[in-house]
N, C-alpha and C. Protein backbone atom coordinates (compact mmCIF):
# COMPACT_ATOMS: atom_id res chain seq x y z
N MET A 1 22.58 -2.26 -29.81
CA MET A 1 21.78 -1.09 -29.52
C MET A 1 22.68 0.09 -29.20
N ILE A 2 22.21 1.28 -29.42
CA ILE A 2 23.01 2.48 -29.23
C ILE A 2 23.42 2.67 -27.79
N GLU A 3 22.55 2.26 -26.83
CA GLU A 3 22.89 2.49 -25.44
C GLU A 3 23.91 1.50 -24.91
N ALA A 4 24.19 0.46 -25.67
CA ALA A 4 25.20 -0.50 -25.26
C ALA A 4 26.58 0.10 -25.46
N LYS A 5 27.50 -0.32 -24.62
CA LYS A 5 28.86 0.16 -24.76
C LYS A 5 29.79 -1.01 -24.99
N SER A 6 30.81 -0.78 -25.77
CA SER A 6 31.82 -1.79 -26.02
C SER A 6 32.70 -1.91 -24.79
N ALA A 7 32.96 -3.14 -24.33
CA ALA A 7 33.74 -3.35 -23.12
C ALA A 7 35.16 -2.83 -23.28
N GLU A 8 35.77 -3.02 -24.43
CA GLU A 8 37.15 -2.61 -24.62
C GLU A 8 37.28 -1.12 -24.85
N SER A 9 36.48 -0.56 -25.75
CA SER A 9 36.69 0.83 -26.16
C SER A 9 35.89 1.84 -25.36
N ASN A 10 34.83 1.40 -24.65
CA ASN A 10 33.97 2.28 -23.87
C ASN A 10 33.37 3.40 -24.72
N GLU A 11 33.13 3.13 -25.99
CA GLU A 11 32.50 4.10 -26.89
C GLU A 11 31.11 3.60 -27.24
N THR A 12 30.21 4.54 -27.55
CA THR A 12 28.89 4.12 -27.99
C THR A 12 29.03 3.41 -29.31
N LEU A 13 28.16 2.43 -29.50
CA LEU A 13 28.25 1.63 -30.71
C LEU A 13 27.61 2.35 -31.89
N SER A 14 28.33 2.45 -32.93
CA SER A 14 27.93 2.76 -34.28
C SER A 14 27.09 4.00 -34.51
N GLU A 15 27.69 5.15 -34.25
CA GLU A 15 27.09 6.41 -34.67
C GLU A 15 27.03 6.44 -36.20
N VAL A 16 28.00 5.79 -36.83
CA VAL A 16 28.04 5.73 -38.30
C VAL A 16 26.82 4.99 -38.83
N SER A 17 26.44 3.88 -38.16
CA SER A 17 25.27 3.14 -38.64
C SER A 17 24.00 3.96 -38.46
N LEU A 18 23.92 4.78 -37.40
CA LEU A 18 22.76 5.66 -37.24
C LEU A 18 22.71 6.68 -38.37
N GLU A 19 23.85 7.21 -38.75
CA GLU A 19 23.88 8.17 -39.86
C GLU A 19 23.44 7.51 -41.16
N SER A 20 23.86 6.26 -41.38
CA SER A 20 23.44 5.58 -42.61
C SER A 20 21.94 5.28 -42.57
N LEU A 21 21.41 4.99 -41.37
CA LEU A 21 19.96 4.77 -41.26
C LEU A 21 19.20 6.06 -41.56
N ILE A 22 19.71 7.19 -41.07
CA ILE A 22 19.06 8.47 -41.34
C ILE A 22 19.07 8.76 -42.84
N ALA A 23 20.17 8.45 -43.50
CA ALA A 23 20.25 8.65 -44.95
C ALA A 23 19.22 7.77 -45.67
N LYS A 24 19.04 6.55 -45.21
CA LYS A 24 18.05 5.66 -45.82
C LYS A 24 16.63 6.17 -45.54
N ILE A 25 16.41 6.69 -44.35
CA ILE A 25 15.09 7.25 -44.01
C ILE A 25 14.78 8.42 -44.95
N ALA A 26 15.79 9.22 -45.24
CA ALA A 26 15.61 10.37 -46.13
C ALA A 26 15.14 9.93 -47.51
N SER A 27 15.51 8.71 -47.90
CA SER A 27 15.06 8.20 -49.21
C SER A 27 13.79 7.36 -49.09
N GLY A 28 13.14 7.39 -47.90
CA GLY A 28 11.85 6.73 -47.74
C GLY A 28 11.90 5.28 -47.28
N ASP A 29 13.01 4.82 -46.76
CA ASP A 29 13.16 3.42 -46.32
C ASP A 29 12.49 3.21 -44.96
N ARG A 30 11.36 2.51 -44.96
CA ARG A 30 10.61 2.26 -43.73
C ARG A 30 11.34 1.29 -42.79
N GLU A 31 12.09 0.36 -43.36
CA GLU A 31 12.85 -0.58 -42.52
C GLU A 31 13.93 0.17 -41.75
N ALA A 32 14.54 1.17 -42.36
CA ALA A 32 15.55 1.97 -41.68
C ALA A 32 14.90 2.74 -40.53
N MET A 33 13.68 3.21 -40.75
CA MET A 33 12.96 3.92 -39.70
C MET A 33 12.69 2.99 -38.52
N SER A 34 12.28 1.79 -38.82
CA SER A 34 12.04 0.80 -37.78
C SER A 34 13.33 0.47 -37.03
N ALA A 35 14.42 0.37 -37.76
CA ALA A 35 15.71 0.06 -37.15
C ALA A 35 16.19 1.19 -36.23
N ILE A 36 16.05 2.43 -36.69
CA ILE A 36 16.51 3.55 -35.86
C ILE A 36 15.64 3.68 -34.61
N PHE A 37 14.36 3.39 -34.75
CA PHE A 37 13.48 3.40 -33.59
C PHE A 37 13.94 2.35 -32.58
N GLY A 38 14.21 1.15 -33.06
CA GLY A 38 14.66 0.07 -32.18
C GLY A 38 15.97 0.38 -31.49
N GLU A 39 16.85 1.07 -32.19
CA GLU A 39 18.17 1.39 -31.64
C GLU A 39 18.14 2.53 -30.63
N THR A 40 17.20 3.46 -30.76
CA THR A 40 17.27 4.69 -29.97
C THR A 40 16.09 4.94 -29.04
N LYS A 41 15.04 4.17 -29.13
CA LYS A 41 13.81 4.47 -28.39
C LYS A 41 14.02 4.54 -26.88
N THR A 42 14.82 3.66 -26.31
CA THR A 42 15.03 3.65 -24.86
C THR A 42 15.70 4.94 -24.41
N ALA A 43 16.74 5.33 -25.12
CA ALA A 43 17.46 6.55 -24.76
C ALA A 43 16.58 7.79 -24.94
N VAL A 44 15.85 7.84 -26.03
CA VAL A 44 14.99 9.01 -26.30
C VAL A 44 13.88 9.08 -25.26
N TYR A 45 13.25 7.95 -24.97
CA TYR A 45 12.17 7.94 -23.98
C TYR A 45 12.69 8.38 -22.61
N GLY A 46 13.83 7.85 -22.20
CA GLY A 46 14.41 8.24 -20.92
C GLY A 46 14.71 9.72 -20.83
N PHE A 47 15.24 10.26 -21.91
CA PHE A 47 15.56 11.69 -21.95
C PHE A 47 14.28 12.52 -21.88
N VAL A 48 13.30 12.18 -22.68
CA VAL A 48 12.04 12.93 -22.71
C VAL A 48 11.34 12.83 -21.35
N LEU A 49 11.36 11.64 -20.77
CA LEU A 49 10.74 11.43 -19.47
C LEU A 49 11.41 12.29 -18.40
N SER A 50 12.72 12.45 -18.50
CA SER A 50 13.43 13.27 -17.52
C SER A 50 13.05 14.74 -17.64
N ILE A 51 12.59 15.16 -18.79
CA ILE A 51 12.15 16.55 -18.99
C ILE A 51 10.70 16.73 -18.57
N LEU A 52 9.84 15.82 -19.03
CA LEU A 52 8.40 15.99 -18.85
C LEU A 52 7.86 15.44 -17.52
N LYS A 53 8.50 14.41 -17.00
CA LYS A 53 8.09 13.78 -15.75
C LYS A 53 6.65 13.24 -15.79
N ASN A 54 6.20 12.88 -16.94
CA ASN A 54 4.86 12.31 -17.10
C ASN A 54 4.95 11.27 -18.21
N SER A 55 4.68 10.01 -17.87
CA SER A 55 4.88 8.93 -18.84
C SER A 55 3.98 9.05 -20.07
N ASN A 56 2.75 9.51 -19.89
CA ASN A 56 1.86 9.67 -21.06
C ASN A 56 2.39 10.72 -22.02
N ASP A 57 2.80 11.85 -21.49
CA ASP A 57 3.38 12.90 -22.33
C ASP A 57 4.66 12.43 -22.99
N ALA A 58 5.48 11.69 -22.23
CA ALA A 58 6.75 11.19 -22.77
C ALA A 58 6.51 10.24 -23.94
N GLU A 59 5.50 9.40 -23.84
CA GLU A 59 5.18 8.49 -24.94
C GLU A 59 4.71 9.27 -26.17
N ASP A 60 3.90 10.31 -25.94
CA ASP A 60 3.44 11.14 -27.06
C ASP A 60 4.61 11.82 -27.75
N VAL A 61 5.50 12.41 -26.97
CA VAL A 61 6.65 13.11 -27.55
C VAL A 61 7.59 12.11 -28.22
N LEU A 62 7.71 10.92 -27.66
CA LEU A 62 8.53 9.88 -28.30
C LEU A 62 8.02 9.62 -29.71
N GLN A 63 6.71 9.44 -29.86
CA GLN A 63 6.13 9.20 -31.18
C GLN A 63 6.34 10.41 -32.10
N GLU A 64 6.11 11.59 -31.57
CA GLU A 64 6.30 12.80 -32.37
C GLU A 64 7.74 12.95 -32.84
N THR A 65 8.67 12.54 -31.99
CA THR A 65 10.08 12.63 -32.34
C THR A 65 10.37 11.81 -33.59
N TYR A 66 9.85 10.59 -33.65
CA TYR A 66 10.13 9.73 -34.81
C TYR A 66 9.36 10.17 -36.05
N VAL A 67 8.20 10.78 -35.86
CA VAL A 67 7.49 11.37 -37.00
C VAL A 67 8.33 12.52 -37.56
N LYS A 68 8.90 13.33 -36.66
CA LYS A 68 9.73 14.46 -37.08
C LYS A 68 11.02 13.96 -37.76
N ILE A 69 11.60 12.89 -37.24
CA ILE A 69 12.79 12.31 -37.87
C ILE A 69 12.44 11.88 -39.29
N TRP A 70 11.31 11.22 -39.46
CA TRP A 70 10.88 10.76 -40.78
C TRP A 70 10.72 11.93 -41.75
N SER A 71 10.12 13.01 -41.24
CA SER A 71 9.82 14.13 -42.15
C SER A 71 11.00 15.08 -42.38
N THR A 72 12.01 15.02 -41.53
CA THR A 72 13.14 15.95 -41.69
C THR A 72 14.48 15.26 -41.96
N ALA A 73 14.47 13.96 -42.16
CA ALA A 73 15.72 13.22 -42.35
C ALA A 73 16.54 13.74 -43.53
N GLU A 74 15.87 14.23 -44.57
CA GLU A 74 16.61 14.72 -45.74
C GLU A 74 17.41 15.98 -45.42
N ARG A 75 17.06 16.67 -44.34
CA ARG A 75 17.79 17.88 -43.96
C ARG A 75 18.94 17.61 -42.98
N TYR A 76 19.06 16.37 -42.53
CA TYR A 76 20.15 16.02 -41.60
C TYR A 76 21.48 16.11 -42.33
N LYS A 77 22.44 16.77 -41.68
CA LYS A 77 23.79 16.88 -42.24
C LYS A 77 24.72 16.01 -41.40
N PRO A 78 25.28 14.96 -42.00
CA PRO A 78 26.16 14.06 -41.24
C PRO A 78 27.37 14.78 -40.66
N MET A 79 27.45 14.74 -39.33
CA MET A 79 28.58 15.36 -38.64
C MET A 79 29.11 14.42 -37.56
N GLY A 80 28.71 13.16 -37.59
CA GLY A 80 29.17 12.20 -36.61
C GLY A 80 28.41 12.22 -35.30
N LYS A 81 27.31 12.97 -35.22
CA LYS A 81 26.55 13.08 -33.98
C LYS A 81 25.05 12.88 -34.21
N PRO A 82 24.64 11.75 -34.80
CA PRO A 82 23.22 11.56 -35.08
C PRO A 82 22.36 11.46 -33.81
N MET A 83 22.92 10.91 -32.73
CA MET A 83 22.13 10.79 -31.51
C MET A 83 21.86 12.18 -30.92
N ALA A 84 22.81 13.07 -31.01
CA ALA A 84 22.59 14.44 -30.53
C ALA A 84 21.49 15.12 -31.35
N TRP A 85 21.46 14.87 -32.66
CA TRP A 85 20.41 15.42 -33.52
C TRP A 85 19.04 14.89 -33.10
N ILE A 86 18.97 13.60 -32.86
CA ILE A 86 17.70 12.97 -32.45
C ILE A 86 17.25 13.53 -31.10
N LEU A 87 18.18 13.64 -30.15
CA LEU A 87 17.83 14.15 -28.83
C LEU A 87 17.47 15.64 -28.86
N THR A 88 18.04 16.38 -29.78
CA THR A 88 17.67 17.79 -29.93
C THR A 88 16.22 17.90 -30.40
N ILE A 89 15.84 17.04 -31.33
CA ILE A 89 14.44 17.02 -31.78
C ILE A 89 13.53 16.70 -30.60
N ALA A 90 13.89 15.68 -29.84
CA ALA A 90 13.08 15.27 -28.69
C ALA A 90 13.00 16.39 -27.64
N LYS A 91 14.12 17.05 -27.40
CA LYS A 91 14.15 18.15 -26.43
C LYS A 91 13.25 19.29 -26.87
N ASN A 92 13.35 19.68 -28.14
CA ASN A 92 12.53 20.77 -28.64
C ASN A 92 11.04 20.45 -28.57
N LEU A 93 10.67 19.22 -28.92
CA LEU A 93 9.27 18.82 -28.82
C LEU A 93 8.80 18.79 -27.37
N SER A 94 9.67 18.35 -26.47
CA SER A 94 9.33 18.32 -25.04
C SER A 94 9.11 19.73 -24.50
N LEU A 95 10.02 20.63 -24.83
CA LEU A 95 9.89 22.00 -24.35
C LEU A 95 8.66 22.68 -24.94
N SER A 96 8.36 22.36 -26.18
CA SER A 96 7.16 22.89 -26.81
C SER A 96 5.90 22.42 -26.07
N LEU A 97 5.89 21.15 -25.71
CA LEU A 97 4.74 20.61 -24.96
C LEU A 97 4.64 21.27 -23.59
N LEU A 98 5.76 21.48 -22.93
CA LEU A 98 5.73 22.15 -21.63
C LEU A 98 5.18 23.56 -21.74
N ARG A 99 5.56 24.28 -22.81
CA ARG A 99 5.03 25.63 -23.02
C ARG A 99 3.52 25.58 -23.24
N GLU A 100 3.07 24.62 -24.04
CA GLU A 100 1.63 24.46 -24.28
C GLU A 100 0.89 24.17 -22.99
N LYS A 101 1.45 23.26 -22.20
CA LYS A 101 0.79 22.86 -20.95
C LYS A 101 0.76 23.99 -19.94
N SER A 102 1.73 24.88 -19.99
CA SER A 102 1.75 25.99 -19.03
C SER A 102 0.58 26.94 -19.30
N LYS A 103 0.04 26.87 -20.50
CA LYS A 103 -1.09 27.73 -20.87
C LYS A 103 -2.42 27.07 -20.50
N ARG A 104 -2.37 25.77 -20.14
CA ARG A 104 -3.59 25.05 -19.79
C ARG A 104 -3.65 24.78 -18.29
N VAL A 105 -4.77 24.23 -17.85
CA VAL A 105 -4.95 23.85 -16.45
C VAL A 105 -4.09 22.61 -16.17
N ASP A 106 -3.52 22.53 -14.96
CA ASP A 106 -2.68 21.39 -14.59
C ASP A 106 -3.46 20.09 -14.58
N MET A 107 -2.76 19.01 -14.84
CA MET A 107 -3.33 17.67 -14.81
C MET A 107 -3.41 17.20 -13.36
N PRO A 108 -4.32 16.26 -13.05
CA PRO A 108 -4.40 15.72 -11.70
C PRO A 108 -3.10 14.99 -11.33
N GLU A 109 -2.82 14.92 -10.03
CA GLU A 109 -1.61 14.28 -9.52
C GLU A 109 -1.47 12.83 -9.97
N GLU A 110 -2.57 12.11 -10.15
CA GLU A 110 -2.50 10.69 -10.51
C GLU A 110 -1.83 10.45 -11.86
N ASN A 111 -1.78 11.48 -12.71
CA ASN A 111 -1.12 11.33 -14.01
C ASN A 111 0.37 11.62 -13.96
N GLN A 112 0.86 12.05 -12.80
CA GLN A 112 2.28 12.35 -12.69
C GLN A 112 3.09 11.07 -12.72
N LEU A 113 4.29 11.20 -13.15
CA LEU A 113 5.18 10.07 -13.31
C LEU A 113 5.53 9.45 -11.97
N GLU A 114 5.36 8.15 -11.87
CA GLU A 114 5.78 7.42 -10.69
C GLU A 114 7.05 6.65 -10.99
N ASP A 115 7.23 6.27 -12.23
CA ASP A 115 8.38 5.45 -12.61
C ASP A 115 9.33 6.29 -13.44
N GLN A 116 10.43 6.74 -12.84
CA GLN A 116 11.40 7.59 -13.53
C GLN A 116 12.41 6.80 -14.35
N SER A 117 12.48 5.50 -14.16
CA SER A 117 13.55 4.75 -14.82
C SER A 117 13.19 4.39 -16.24
N VAL A 118 14.21 4.16 -17.00
CA VAL A 118 14.08 3.61 -18.33
C VAL A 118 14.13 2.11 -18.13
N SER A 119 13.60 1.32 -19.06
CA SER A 119 13.53 -0.11 -18.83
C SER A 119 14.91 -0.73 -18.71
N PHE A 120 15.32 -0.95 -17.47
CA PHE A 120 16.59 -1.60 -17.20
C PHE A 120 16.29 -3.08 -16.99
N SER A 121 17.28 -3.92 -17.27
CA SER A 121 17.07 -5.34 -17.03
C SER A 121 17.45 -5.63 -15.59
N ALA A 122 16.55 -5.32 -14.67
CA ALA A 122 16.78 -5.53 -13.25
C ALA A 122 15.51 -6.10 -12.64
N SER A 123 15.65 -6.65 -11.44
CA SER A 123 14.49 -7.19 -10.76
C SER A 123 13.55 -6.05 -10.39
N THR A 124 12.33 -6.40 -10.07
CA THR A 124 11.33 -5.40 -9.69
C THR A 124 11.81 -4.63 -8.47
N GLU A 125 12.37 -5.33 -7.51
CA GLU A 125 12.87 -4.68 -6.30
C GLU A 125 13.99 -3.70 -6.62
N ASP A 126 14.92 -4.12 -7.48
CA ASP A 126 16.01 -3.22 -7.88
C ASP A 126 15.46 -2.00 -8.61
N SER A 127 14.46 -2.20 -9.45
CA SER A 127 13.86 -1.08 -10.19
C SER A 127 13.21 -0.09 -9.25
N ILE A 128 12.53 -0.59 -8.23
CA ILE A 128 11.87 0.28 -7.27
C ILE A 128 12.90 1.12 -6.53
N VAL A 129 13.99 0.48 -6.10
CA VAL A 129 15.04 1.20 -5.39
C VAL A 129 15.68 2.24 -6.31
N LEU A 130 15.96 1.85 -7.56
CA LEU A 130 16.56 2.79 -8.51
C LEU A 130 15.62 3.95 -8.80
N ASN A 131 14.34 3.67 -8.96
CA ASN A 131 13.36 4.75 -9.20
C ASN A 131 13.35 5.73 -8.05
N ALA A 132 13.34 5.21 -6.83
CA ALA A 132 13.33 6.07 -5.66
C ALA A 132 14.59 6.93 -5.63
N ALA A 133 15.72 6.33 -5.95
CA ALA A 133 16.98 7.08 -5.96
C ALA A 133 16.96 8.16 -7.03
N MET A 134 16.52 7.82 -8.25
CA MET A 134 16.47 8.80 -9.34
C MET A 134 15.52 9.95 -9.01
N ASN A 135 14.44 9.67 -8.28
CA ASN A 135 13.49 10.72 -7.91
C ASN A 135 14.08 11.72 -6.94
N LYS A 136 15.15 11.36 -6.26
CA LYS A 136 15.78 12.27 -5.29
C LYS A 136 16.79 13.21 -5.96
N LEU A 137 17.04 12.99 -7.24
CA LEU A 137 17.93 13.88 -7.98
C LEU A 137 17.14 15.08 -8.48
N SER A 138 17.83 16.20 -8.70
CA SER A 138 17.17 17.35 -9.31
C SER A 138 16.89 17.01 -10.78
N ASP A 139 16.05 17.81 -11.42
CA ASP A 139 15.72 17.56 -12.83
C ASP A 139 16.96 17.57 -13.71
N GLU A 140 17.82 18.57 -13.53
CA GLU A 140 19.02 18.65 -14.37
C GLU A 140 19.95 17.47 -14.09
N GLU A 141 20.11 17.11 -12.82
CA GLU A 141 20.98 15.97 -12.49
C GLU A 141 20.46 14.70 -13.15
N ARG A 142 19.15 14.49 -13.07
CA ARG A 142 18.54 13.30 -13.67
C ARG A 142 18.74 13.29 -15.19
N GLN A 143 18.56 14.43 -15.83
CA GLN A 143 18.76 14.52 -17.28
C GLN A 143 20.21 14.20 -17.64
N ILE A 144 21.14 14.77 -16.91
CA ILE A 144 22.54 14.55 -17.21
C ILE A 144 22.91 13.08 -17.03
N VAL A 145 22.44 12.46 -15.96
CA VAL A 145 22.72 11.03 -15.73
C VAL A 145 22.13 10.19 -16.85
N VAL A 146 20.88 10.47 -17.23
CA VAL A 146 20.24 9.70 -18.30
C VAL A 146 21.00 9.88 -19.62
N LEU A 147 21.34 11.11 -19.94
CA LEU A 147 22.04 11.36 -21.20
C LEU A 147 23.41 10.70 -21.24
N HIS A 148 24.11 10.69 -20.12
CA HIS A 148 25.45 10.10 -20.12
C HIS A 148 25.37 8.57 -20.00
N ALA A 149 24.58 8.07 -19.07
CA ALA A 149 24.55 6.63 -18.81
C ALA A 149 23.76 5.85 -19.85
N ILE A 150 22.65 6.39 -20.32
CA ILE A 150 21.79 5.65 -21.24
C ILE A 150 22.18 5.89 -22.70
N THR A 151 22.39 7.15 -23.06
CA THR A 151 22.68 7.42 -24.47
C THR A 151 24.16 7.40 -24.78
N GLY A 152 24.99 7.50 -23.74
CA GLY A 152 26.43 7.47 -23.96
C GLY A 152 27.01 8.77 -24.47
N LEU A 153 26.25 9.87 -24.36
CA LEU A 153 26.77 11.16 -24.80
C LEU A 153 27.91 11.60 -23.88
N LYS A 154 28.86 12.28 -24.44
CA LYS A 154 29.97 12.83 -23.66
C LYS A 154 29.47 14.09 -22.95
N HIS A 155 30.16 14.47 -21.89
CA HIS A 155 29.74 15.63 -21.11
C HIS A 155 29.72 16.91 -21.95
N VAL A 156 30.64 17.05 -22.88
CA VAL A 156 30.67 18.22 -23.76
C VAL A 156 29.39 18.27 -24.61
N GLU A 157 28.98 17.13 -25.12
CA GLU A 157 27.76 17.05 -25.93
C GLU A 157 26.53 17.36 -25.08
N ILE A 158 26.52 16.88 -23.85
CA ILE A 158 25.41 17.14 -22.94
C ILE A 158 25.33 18.64 -22.63
N ALA A 159 26.48 19.25 -22.42
CA ALA A 159 26.52 20.69 -22.14
C ALA A 159 25.91 21.48 -23.29
N ARG A 160 26.28 21.12 -24.52
CA ARG A 160 25.70 21.80 -25.70
C ARG A 160 24.21 21.56 -25.79
N LEU A 161 23.79 20.31 -25.60
CA LEU A 161 22.38 19.94 -25.73
C LEU A 161 21.51 20.66 -24.71
N LEU A 162 22.01 20.78 -23.47
CA LEU A 162 21.22 21.40 -22.41
C LEU A 162 21.52 22.89 -22.24
N SER A 163 22.41 23.43 -23.09
CA SER A 163 22.81 24.84 -23.02
C SER A 163 23.34 25.22 -21.64
N LEU A 164 24.24 24.38 -21.14
CA LEU A 164 24.87 24.61 -19.85
C LEU A 164 26.38 24.65 -20.02
N PRO A 165 27.09 25.35 -19.14
CA PRO A 165 28.55 25.29 -19.19
C PRO A 165 29.04 23.87 -18.88
N LEU A 166 30.14 23.47 -19.49
CA LEU A 166 30.69 22.15 -19.27
C LEU A 166 30.98 21.91 -17.79
N SER A 167 31.50 22.91 -17.10
CA SER A 167 31.82 22.74 -15.68
C SER A 167 30.56 22.44 -14.86
N THR A 168 29.44 23.03 -15.23
CA THR A 168 28.18 22.77 -14.54
C THR A 168 27.74 21.33 -14.77
N VAL A 169 27.83 20.88 -16.01
CA VAL A 169 27.46 19.49 -16.33
C VAL A 169 28.33 18.52 -15.55
N LEU A 170 29.62 18.77 -15.53
CA LEU A 170 30.54 17.88 -14.81
C LEU A 170 30.25 17.85 -13.32
N SER A 171 30.01 19.01 -12.73
CA SER A 171 29.75 19.05 -11.29
C SER A 171 28.40 18.41 -10.95
N LYS A 172 27.39 18.67 -11.77
CA LYS A 172 26.08 18.07 -11.51
C LYS A 172 26.11 16.55 -11.69
N TYR A 173 26.87 16.08 -12.67
CA TYR A 173 27.01 14.63 -12.88
C TYR A 173 27.72 14.00 -11.69
N SER A 174 28.78 14.62 -11.25
CA SER A 174 29.54 14.11 -10.11
C SER A 174 28.67 14.09 -8.84
N ARG A 175 27.95 15.18 -8.61
CA ARG A 175 27.06 15.28 -7.46
C ARG A 175 25.96 14.22 -7.54
N ALA A 176 25.40 14.03 -8.71
CA ALA A 176 24.33 13.04 -8.89
C ALA A 176 24.85 11.63 -8.61
N LYS A 177 26.05 11.32 -9.09
CA LYS A 177 26.64 10.00 -8.83
C LYS A 177 26.83 9.77 -7.33
N ARG A 178 27.33 10.80 -6.63
CA ARG A 178 27.51 10.67 -5.18
C ARG A 178 26.17 10.47 -4.48
N LYS A 179 25.16 11.25 -4.88
CA LYS A 179 23.84 11.11 -4.29
C LYS A 179 23.29 9.71 -4.51
N LEU A 180 23.37 9.24 -5.74
CA LEU A 180 22.86 7.90 -6.06
C LEU A 180 23.59 6.83 -5.26
N LYS A 181 24.90 6.96 -5.17
CA LYS A 181 25.68 5.98 -4.41
C LYS A 181 25.25 5.97 -2.95
N ASN A 182 25.12 7.14 -2.35
CA ASN A 182 24.70 7.23 -0.94
C ASN A 182 23.30 6.67 -0.73
N ILE A 183 22.40 7.03 -1.61
CA ILE A 183 21.02 6.55 -1.51
C ILE A 183 20.97 5.03 -1.65
N LEU A 184 21.67 4.51 -2.64
CA LEU A 184 21.64 3.05 -2.88
C LEU A 184 22.33 2.29 -1.76
N GLU A 185 23.36 2.86 -1.15
CA GLU A 185 24.02 2.21 -0.03
C GLU A 185 23.10 2.17 1.18
N GLU A 186 22.30 3.22 1.38
CA GLU A 186 21.35 3.26 2.48
C GLU A 186 20.24 2.24 2.29
N GLU A 187 19.80 2.07 1.06
CA GLU A 187 18.71 1.13 0.78
C GLU A 187 19.20 -0.28 0.96
């Protein structure tokens, strides 16, 4: 999976295979679409959830993201960063939804996100503690942590994706790590 990291090299696995899947999608290969969904859905969902903070909206945008990938794959230009391309689509759809929602009446509190985590393989108790810790981070800190830890993007790529200076991304990531460590030690 894309979010897995190689123990020796500490690099995300197979950006090249994602590019080849996108090329196959461009030629109408449904199996490639299924494969790319399986490889990236956790990272995309976590990223979208960190923006929208509502699980129902995040699921909708997740689906829209893959529909958009299917319809625009032929326009993808291989540059070694297919995950950044996918996350840019997800970000744009998320921001579009937020703009739409700002024009409508707010949703009731019960629809707000209670579970900020992406599906980690941890016990229920660990997940609850991690969710509580993630909720104490600012929105930008949470996004940066998700993008770096789940998708494996480098800080430079995160800075470009979020339109922030690299120094800001680095400081927010460092601050978020310290906050999480302190919170988890207290729990």
